[in-house]
Amino acid sequence: MSGNKQPISVLVVIHTRELDVLLLERAPHPGLWQSVTGSREADESLSATARREVAEETGIAPDCGILADWHIANTYTIFPAWRHRYPDGVSENVEHVFGLCLPSRMPITPAPNEHRDWLWLPCQEAADRCFSWSNRDAIRLLPKVLSRT
């Protein structure tokens, strides 16, 4: 049976100006750490997807910080374990990278069905902990992105 998930998603690196990064541990996959991610629903804009996913996965109101589209899109092969969520024949996803800069580290309320734990780490440690190459690369870009603002 195939799913109806769109192969268009967002990755939202939640961070502070001091280069602290929030990571979430996937509930069904202990040890897999990541930033906020999620697929677009219906015809919502990518920024609306980013705002919705941040609120759903962390309880953080997106207006608590500055949401920025980093204008990066990564195409990757969907892990076989998750292909059933997509229509038949879909094997690739296009992920659009955003950042959400918060004034400081803050506690979150993770979505229990999606995440089992969370932590704030310095930028490089956060990048090293991510299981996804696109997430790791995005976090490594953070100092450069912040230097332009």
N, C-alpha and C. Protein backbone atom coordinates (compact mmCIF):
# COMPACT_ATOMS: atom_id res chain seq x y z
N MET A 1 0.84 -1.18 0.00
CA MET A 1 0.00 0.00 0.00
C MET A 1 0.88 1.24 0.00
N SER A 2 0.53 2.20 -0.80
CA SER A 2 1.34 3.42 -0.88
C SER A 2 0.65 4.56 -0.12
N GLY A 3 1.46 5.52 0.27
CA GLY A 3 0.96 6.67 1.01
C GLY A 3 0.71 7.85 0.11
N ASN A 4 0.43 8.99 0.72
CA ASN A 4 0.15 10.19 -0.06
C ASN A 4 1.03 11.37 0.33
N LYS A 5 2.12 11.09 1.02
CA LYS A 5 3.04 12.14 1.45
C LYS A 5 3.70 12.77 0.22
N GLN A 6 3.78 14.10 0.20
CA GLN A 6 4.43 14.78 -0.91
C GLN A 6 5.95 14.66 -0.78
N PRO A 7 6.66 14.47 -1.89
CA PRO A 7 8.11 14.39 -1.83
C PRO A 7 8.76 15.79 -1.87
N ILE A 8 8.16 16.69 -1.13
CA ILE A 8 8.66 18.07 -0.99
C ILE A 8 8.62 18.35 0.51
N SER A 9 9.78 18.68 1.07
CA SER A 9 9.83 18.85 2.52
C SER A 9 10.69 20.05 2.90
N VAL A 10 10.69 20.33 4.21
CA VAL A 10 11.54 21.37 4.76
C VAL A 10 12.44 20.76 5.83
N LEU A 11 13.58 21.37 6.00
CA LEU A 11 14.49 21.12 7.10
C LEU A 11 14.66 22.47 7.78
N VAL A 12 14.37 22.54 9.07
CA VAL A 12 14.47 23.81 9.79
C VAL A 12 15.52 23.67 10.88
N VAL A 13 16.63 24.37 10.70
CA VAL A 13 17.69 24.40 11.70
C VAL A 13 17.31 25.48 12.72
N ILE A 14 16.97 25.06 13.93
CA ILE A 14 16.62 26.00 15.00
C ILE A 14 17.91 26.29 15.76
N HIS A 15 18.22 27.58 15.91
CA HIS A 15 19.51 27.96 16.46
C HIS A 15 19.43 29.31 17.17
N THR A 16 20.51 29.63 17.87
CA THR A 16 20.67 30.96 18.47
C THR A 16 21.78 31.69 17.74
N ARG A 17 21.92 32.98 17.98
CA ARG A 17 23.01 33.76 17.37
C ARG A 17 24.36 33.29 17.91
N GLU A 18 24.35 32.64 19.07
CA GLU A 18 25.60 32.12 19.66
C GLU A 18 25.98 30.75 19.08
N LEU A 19 25.26 30.31 18.06
CA LEU A 19 25.53 29.06 17.34
C LEU A 19 25.20 27.81 18.16
N ASP A 20 24.20 27.91 19.02
CA ASP A 20 23.64 26.73 19.67
C ASP A 20 22.53 26.20 18.78
N VAL A 21 22.46 24.89 18.62
CA VAL A 21 21.52 24.26 17.69
C VAL A 21 20.67 23.24 18.44
N LEU A 22 19.38 23.27 18.18
CA LEU A 22 18.45 22.30 18.76
C LEU A 22 18.41 21.05 17.90
N LEU A 23 18.55 19.89 18.54
CA LEU A 23 18.40 18.61 17.85
C LEU A 23 17.32 17.79 18.55
N LEU A 24 16.64 16.96 17.76
CA LEU A 24 15.58 16.09 18.23
C LEU A 24 15.95 14.64 17.92
N GLU A 25 15.66 13.74 18.86
CA GLU A 25 15.92 12.32 18.64
C GLU A 25 14.63 11.65 18.19
N ARG A 26 14.69 10.96 17.08
CA ARG A 26 13.50 10.33 16.51
C ARG A 26 12.97 9.25 17.45
N ALA A 27 11.67 9.26 17.74
CA ALA A 27 11.07 8.28 18.65
C ALA A 27 11.20 6.84 18.15
N PRO A 28 10.84 6.58 16.89
CA PRO A 28 10.92 5.18 16.45
C PRO A 28 12.34 4.71 16.14
N HIS A 29 13.31 5.64 16.16
CA HIS A 29 14.69 5.29 15.77
C HIS A 29 15.67 5.90 16.77
N PRO A 30 15.76 5.35 17.98
CA PRO A 30 16.68 5.90 18.98
C PRO A 30 18.10 6.02 18.42
N GLY A 31 18.73 7.12 18.74
CA GLY A 31 20.08 7.38 18.26
C GLY A 31 20.14 8.19 16.99
N LEU A 32 19.00 8.38 16.33
CA LEU A 32 18.97 9.21 15.12
C LEU A 32 18.53 10.62 15.52
N TRP A 33 19.47 11.56 15.42
CA TRP A 33 19.23 12.95 15.81
C TRP A 33 19.11 13.81 14.57
N GLN A 34 18.24 14.82 14.66
CA GLN A 34 17.98 15.67 13.50
C GLN A 34 17.39 17.01 13.93
N SER A 35 17.34 17.91 12.97
CA SER A 35 16.61 19.16 13.14
C SER A 35 15.14 18.89 12.82
N VAL A 36 14.33 19.91 12.89
CA VAL A 36 12.91 19.77 12.51
C VAL A 36 12.83 19.50 11.02
N THR A 37 12.01 18.52 10.65
CA THR A 37 11.77 18.22 9.24
C THR A 37 10.29 17.93 9.05
N GLY A 38 9.83 18.04 7.83
CA GLY A 38 8.46 17.67 7.55
C GLY A 38 8.06 17.97 6.13
N SER A 39 7.06 17.26 5.67
CA SER A 39 6.58 17.39 4.30
C SER A 39 5.51 18.47 4.17
N ARG A 40 5.51 19.05 2.99
CA ARG A 40 4.48 20.04 2.66
C ARG A 40 3.12 19.35 2.61
N GLU A 41 2.11 20.04 3.07
CA GLU A 41 0.74 19.53 3.00
C GLU A 41 -0.06 20.38 2.03
N ALA A 42 -0.83 19.71 1.20
CA ALA A 42 -1.68 20.37 0.19
C ALA A 42 -0.83 21.36 -0.59
N ASP A 43 -1.31 22.61 -0.71
CA ASP A 43 -0.57 23.59 -1.49
C ASP A 43 0.02 24.70 -0.62
N GLU A 44 0.31 24.37 0.65
CA GLU A 44 0.88 25.40 1.54
C GLU A 44 2.25 25.83 1.03
N SER A 45 2.62 27.06 1.35
CA SER A 45 3.94 27.56 0.97
C SER A 45 5.00 26.84 1.79
N LEU A 46 6.22 26.88 1.32
CA LEU A 46 7.30 26.24 2.06
C LEU A 46 7.52 26.91 3.41
N SER A 47 7.38 28.23 3.48
CA SER A 47 7.54 28.90 4.78
C SER A 47 6.41 28.52 5.72
N ALA A 48 5.21 28.32 5.21
CA ALA A 48 4.10 27.86 6.06
C ALA A 48 4.37 26.44 6.55
N THR A 49 4.95 25.60 5.69
CA THR A 49 5.32 24.25 6.11
C THR A 49 6.35 24.32 7.23
N ALA A 50 7.35 25.17 7.07
CA ALA A 50 8.38 25.32 8.10
C ALA A 50 7.78 25.76 9.43
N ARG A 51 6.91 26.76 9.39
CA ARG A 51 6.27 27.26 10.63
C ARG A 51 5.42 26.18 11.29
N ARG A 52 4.65 25.47 10.49
CA ARG A 52 3.78 24.42 11.02
C ARG A 52 4.60 23.31 11.66
N GLU A 53 5.64 22.87 10.97
CA GLU A 53 6.47 21.77 11.49
C GLU A 53 7.19 22.16 12.78
N VAL A 54 7.69 23.40 12.86
CA VAL A 54 8.34 23.86 14.10
C VAL A 54 7.34 23.80 15.25
N ALA A 55 6.15 24.32 15.04
CA ALA A 55 5.14 24.31 16.11
C ALA A 55 4.74 22.88 16.48
N GLU A 56 4.51 22.02 15.48
CA GLU A 56 4.09 20.65 15.76
C GLU A 56 5.16 19.84 16.48
N GLU A 57 6.42 19.99 16.07
CA GLU A 57 7.47 19.13 16.59
C GLU A 57 8.13 19.64 17.86
N THR A 58 8.02 20.95 18.13
CA THR A 58 8.73 21.51 19.29
C THR A 58 7.85 22.30 20.24
N GLY A 59 6.67 22.72 19.78
CA GLY A 59 5.84 23.60 20.60
C GLY A 59 6.30 25.04 20.57
N ILE A 60 7.37 25.34 19.83
CA ILE A 60 7.86 26.72 19.72
C ILE A 60 7.00 27.46 18.71
N ALA A 61 6.49 28.61 19.14
CA ALA A 61 5.75 29.47 18.21
C ALA A 61 6.78 30.08 17.26
N PRO A 62 6.62 29.90 15.95
CA PRO A 62 7.62 30.39 14.99
C PRO A 62 7.86 31.90 15.07
N ASP A 63 6.91 32.63 15.62
CA ASP A 63 7.13 34.08 15.74
C ASP A 63 8.00 34.43 16.95
N CYS A 64 8.50 33.41 17.66
CA CYS A 64 9.45 33.63 18.76
C CYS A 64 10.83 34.00 18.23
N GLY A 65 11.05 33.79 16.95
CA GLY A 65 12.35 34.07 16.35
C GLY A 65 12.20 34.52 14.92
N ILE A 66 13.30 34.52 14.21
CA ILE A 66 13.32 34.96 12.81
C ILE A 66 13.49 33.74 11.91
N LEU A 67 12.46 33.46 11.10
CA LEU A 67 12.50 32.36 10.15
C LEU A 67 13.10 32.87 8.85
N ALA A 68 14.12 32.15 8.36
CA ALA A 68 14.79 32.56 7.12
C ALA A 68 14.89 31.39 6.16
N ASP A 69 14.53 31.64 4.91
CA ASP A 69 14.71 30.66 3.84
C ASP A 69 16.17 30.77 3.39
N TRP A 70 16.91 29.69 3.51
CA TRP A 70 18.33 29.73 3.13
C TRP A 70 18.52 29.52 1.64
N HIS A 71 17.45 29.31 0.90
CA HIS A 71 17.50 29.13 -0.56
C HIS A 71 18.43 27.98 -0.96
N ILE A 72 18.31 26.91 -0.21
CA ILE A 72 19.05 25.67 -0.51
C ILE A 72 18.01 24.57 -0.66
N ALA A 73 18.14 23.79 -1.71
CA ALA A 73 17.27 22.64 -1.92
C ALA A 73 18.15 21.42 -2.16
N ASN A 74 17.93 20.38 -1.37
CA ASN A 74 18.68 19.13 -1.50
C ASN A 74 17.74 18.04 -2.02
N THR A 75 18.21 17.29 -2.99
CA THR A 75 17.45 16.14 -3.47
C THR A 75 18.16 14.90 -2.97
N TYR A 76 17.40 14.01 -2.36
CA TYR A 76 18.00 12.79 -1.84
C TYR A 76 17.06 11.62 -2.05
N THR A 77 17.63 10.43 -2.00
CA THR A 77 16.86 9.20 -2.11
C THR A 77 16.18 8.94 -0.77
N ILE A 78 14.90 8.66 -0.80
CA ILE A 78 14.14 8.37 0.41
C ILE A 78 14.56 7.00 0.93
N PHE A 79 14.85 6.92 2.24
CA PHE A 79 15.22 5.63 2.83
C PHE A 79 14.11 4.61 2.55
N PRO A 80 14.49 3.40 2.19
CA PRO A 80 13.48 2.37 1.91
C PRO A 80 12.46 2.18 3.03
N ALA A 81 12.88 2.32 4.27
CA ALA A 81 11.97 2.14 5.41
C ALA A 81 10.83 3.17 5.43
N TRP A 82 11.01 4.29 4.72
CA TRP A 82 10.00 5.35 4.74
C TRP A 82 9.29 5.53 3.40
N ARG A 83 9.63 4.72 2.40
CA ARG A 83 9.02 4.90 1.07
C ARG A 83 7.53 4.60 1.05
N HIS A 84 7.05 3.76 1.96
CA HIS A 84 5.63 3.42 1.98
C HIS A 84 4.75 4.64 2.26
N ARG A 85 5.31 5.70 2.77
CA ARG A 85 4.55 6.92 3.08
C ARG A 85 4.24 7.74 1.82
N TYR A 86 4.94 7.44 0.73
CA TYR A 86 4.84 8.21 -0.50
C TYR A 86 4.07 7.44 -1.57
N PRO A 87 3.58 8.12 -2.60
CA PRO A 87 2.91 7.40 -3.69
C PRO A 87 3.85 6.40 -4.35
N ASP A 88 3.27 5.37 -4.93
CA ASP A 88 4.06 4.36 -5.64
C ASP A 88 4.98 5.03 -6.66
N GLY A 89 6.21 4.54 -6.72
CA GLY A 89 7.16 5.03 -7.70
C GLY A 89 7.99 6.22 -7.24
N VAL A 90 7.62 6.83 -6.14
CA VAL A 90 8.38 7.98 -5.63
C VAL A 90 9.57 7.46 -4.83
N SER A 91 10.77 7.88 -5.24
CA SER A 91 11.96 7.43 -4.53
C SER A 91 12.87 8.58 -4.09
N GLU A 92 12.56 9.81 -4.53
CA GLU A 92 13.37 10.96 -4.16
C GLU A 92 12.52 12.05 -3.54
N ASN A 93 13.14 12.82 -2.68
CA ASN A 93 12.49 13.95 -2.01
C ASN A 93 13.34 15.19 -2.24
N VAL A 94 12.69 16.34 -2.35
CA VAL A 94 13.39 17.62 -2.43
C VAL A 94 13.13 18.35 -1.11
N GLU A 95 14.22 18.62 -0.40
CA GLU A 95 14.17 19.22 0.93
C GLU A 95 14.68 20.66 0.84
N HIS A 96 13.88 21.59 1.35
CA HIS A 96 14.21 23.02 1.34
C HIS A 96 14.66 23.43 2.74
N VAL A 97 15.80 24.11 2.81
CA VAL A 97 16.42 24.42 4.10
C VAL A 97 16.03 25.81 4.59
N PHE A 98 15.61 25.85 5.86
CA PHE A 98 15.28 27.09 6.55
C PHE A 98 16.06 27.14 7.86
N GLY A 99 16.18 28.33 8.40
CA GLY A 99 16.73 28.50 9.74
C GLY A 99 15.73 29.27 10.57
N LEU A 100 15.67 28.96 11.85
CA LEU A 100 14.86 29.74 12.79
C LEU A 100 15.80 30.19 13.90
N CYS A 101 16.10 31.49 13.91
CA CYS A 101 17.00 32.05 14.90
C CYS A 101 16.19 32.53 16.10
N LEU A 102 16.48 31.94 17.26
CA LEU A 102 15.80 32.30 18.50
C LEU A 102 16.71 33.20 19.34
N PRO A 103 16.13 34.01 20.21
CA PRO A 103 16.96 34.89 21.04
C PRO A 103 17.84 34.14 22.04
N SER A 104 17.44 32.94 22.43
CA SER A 104 18.23 32.14 23.37
C SER A 104 17.72 30.69 23.32
N ARG A 105 18.48 29.80 23.95
CA ARG A 105 18.01 28.43 24.10
C ARG A 105 16.71 28.46 24.87
N MET A 106 15.80 27.59 24.52
CA MET A 106 14.54 27.51 25.27
C MET A 106 14.10 26.06 25.37
N PRO A 107 13.35 25.76 26.42
CA PRO A 107 12.82 24.39 26.53
C PRO A 107 11.76 24.18 25.46
N ILE A 108 11.58 22.93 25.08
CA ILE A 108 10.58 22.62 24.06
C ILE A 108 9.66 21.52 24.57
N THR A 109 8.59 21.33 23.82
CA THR A 109 7.66 20.24 24.07
C THR A 109 7.63 19.38 22.80
N PRO A 110 8.45 18.32 22.77
CA PRO A 110 8.52 17.52 21.55
C PRO A 110 7.24 16.74 21.30
N ALA A 111 6.94 16.51 20.03
CA ALA A 111 5.80 15.67 19.65
C ALA A 111 6.16 14.24 20.03
N PRO A 112 5.46 13.64 21.01
CA PRO A 112 5.87 12.32 21.53
C PRO A 112 5.83 11.20 20.49
N ASN A 113 4.98 11.32 19.50
CA ASN A 113 4.91 10.27 18.48
C ASN A 113 6.08 10.38 17.48
N GLU A 114 6.76 11.54 17.49
CA GLU A 114 7.86 11.75 16.55
C GLU A 114 9.23 11.78 17.21
N HIS A 115 9.31 12.35 18.43
CA HIS A 115 10.61 12.55 19.06
C HIS A 115 10.60 12.11 20.52
N ARG A 116 11.68 11.46 20.92
CA ARG A 116 11.78 10.94 22.27
C ARG A 116 12.64 11.80 23.18
N ASP A 117 13.49 12.68 22.60
CA ASP A 117 14.36 13.53 23.39
C ASP A 117 14.79 14.72 22.56
N TRP A 118 15.38 15.69 23.23
CA TRP A 118 15.89 16.88 22.56
C TRP A 118 17.07 17.42 23.35
N LEU A 119 17.92 18.18 22.66
CA LEU A 119 19.04 18.83 23.33
C LEU A 119 19.55 19.99 22.49
N TRP A 120 20.19 20.89 23.18
CA TRP A 120 20.88 22.02 22.54
C TRP A 120 22.37 21.70 22.57
N LEU A 121 23.02 21.88 21.43
CA LEU A 121 24.46 21.63 21.32
C LEU A 121 25.13 22.77 20.58
N PRO A 122 26.42 22.99 20.84
CA PRO A 122 27.17 23.91 19.98
C PRO A 122 27.13 23.41 18.54
N CYS A 123 27.23 24.32 17.63
CA CYS A 123 27.06 24.05 16.19
C CYS A 123 27.80 22.80 15.69
N GLN A 124 29.10 22.72 15.90
CA GLN A 124 29.87 21.60 15.36
C GLN A 124 29.45 20.28 15.98
N GLU A 125 29.20 20.27 17.29
CA GLU A 125 28.74 19.04 17.94
C GLU A 125 27.38 18.60 17.39
N ALA A 126 26.52 19.56 17.14
CA ALA A 126 25.20 19.24 16.58
C ALA A 126 25.35 18.63 15.19
N ALA A 127 26.20 19.23 14.36
CA ALA A 127 26.41 18.70 13.01
C ALA A 127 26.94 17.27 13.08
N ASP A 128 27.88 17.03 13.97
CA ASP A 128 28.48 15.69 14.09
C ASP A 128 27.47 14.64 14.56
N ARG A 129 26.45 15.06 15.28
CA ARG A 129 25.47 14.11 15.84
C ARG A 129 24.40 13.72 14.81
N CYS A 130 24.17 14.54 13.78
CA CYS A 130 23.08 14.29 12.81
C CYS A 130 23.35 13.05 11.96
N PHE A 131 22.30 12.26 11.74
CA PHE A 131 22.42 11.08 10.89
C PHE A 131 22.30 11.43 9.41
N SER A 132 21.69 12.55 9.10
CA SER A 132 21.42 12.94 7.71
C SER A 132 22.52 13.87 7.18
N TRP A 133 23.04 13.54 6.00
CA TRP A 133 24.09 14.39 5.42
C TRP A 133 23.58 15.80 5.14
N SER A 134 22.32 15.93 4.71
CA SER A 134 21.81 17.26 4.38
C SER A 134 21.65 18.11 5.65
N ASN A 135 21.25 17.47 6.74
CA ASN A 135 21.12 18.17 8.02
C ASN A 135 22.51 18.58 8.52
N ARG A 136 23.45 17.67 8.45
CA ARG A 136 24.82 17.95 8.87
C ARG A 136 25.41 19.12 8.09
N ASP A 137 25.23 19.09 6.76
CA ASP A 137 25.76 20.16 5.91
C ASP A 137 25.10 21.50 6.22
N ALA A 138 23.79 21.49 6.46
CA ALA A 138 23.08 22.74 6.77
C ALA A 138 23.61 23.34 8.07
N ILE A 139 23.79 22.52 9.09
CA ILE A 139 24.28 23.04 10.37
C ILE A 139 25.70 23.58 10.20
N ARG A 140 26.51 22.92 9.41
CA ARG A 140 27.87 23.41 9.18
C ARG A 140 27.89 24.74 8.45
N LEU A 141 26.82 25.06 7.72
CA LEU A 141 26.72 26.36 7.03
C LEU A 141 26.28 27.49 7.97
N LEU A 142 25.79 27.15 9.13
CA LEU A 142 25.22 28.14 10.03
C LEU A 142 26.13 29.34 10.31
N PRO A 143 27.41 29.17 10.64
CA PRO A 143 28.24 30.36 10.88
C PRO A 143 28.31 31.30 9.68
N LYS A 144 28.36 30.73 8.50
CA LYS A 144 28.42 31.54 7.27
C LYS A 144 27.09 32.27 7.06
N VAL A 145 25.99 31.57 7.27
CA VAL A 145 24.66 32.18 7.11
C VAL A 145 24.50 33.35 8.08
N LEU A 146 24.89 33.15 9.33
CA LEU A 146 24.74 34.22 10.33
C LEU A 146 25.66 35.40 10.06
N SER A 147 26.81 35.16 9.45
CA SER A 147 27.73 36.27 9.16
C SER A 147 27.16 37.21 8.09
N ARG A 148 26.19 36.74 7.33
CA ARG A 148 25.58 37.57 6.28
C ARG A 148 24.41 38.40 6.81
N THR A 149 24.00 38.16 8.05
CA THR A 149 22.83 38.90 8.59
C THR A 149 23.25 39.98 9.56
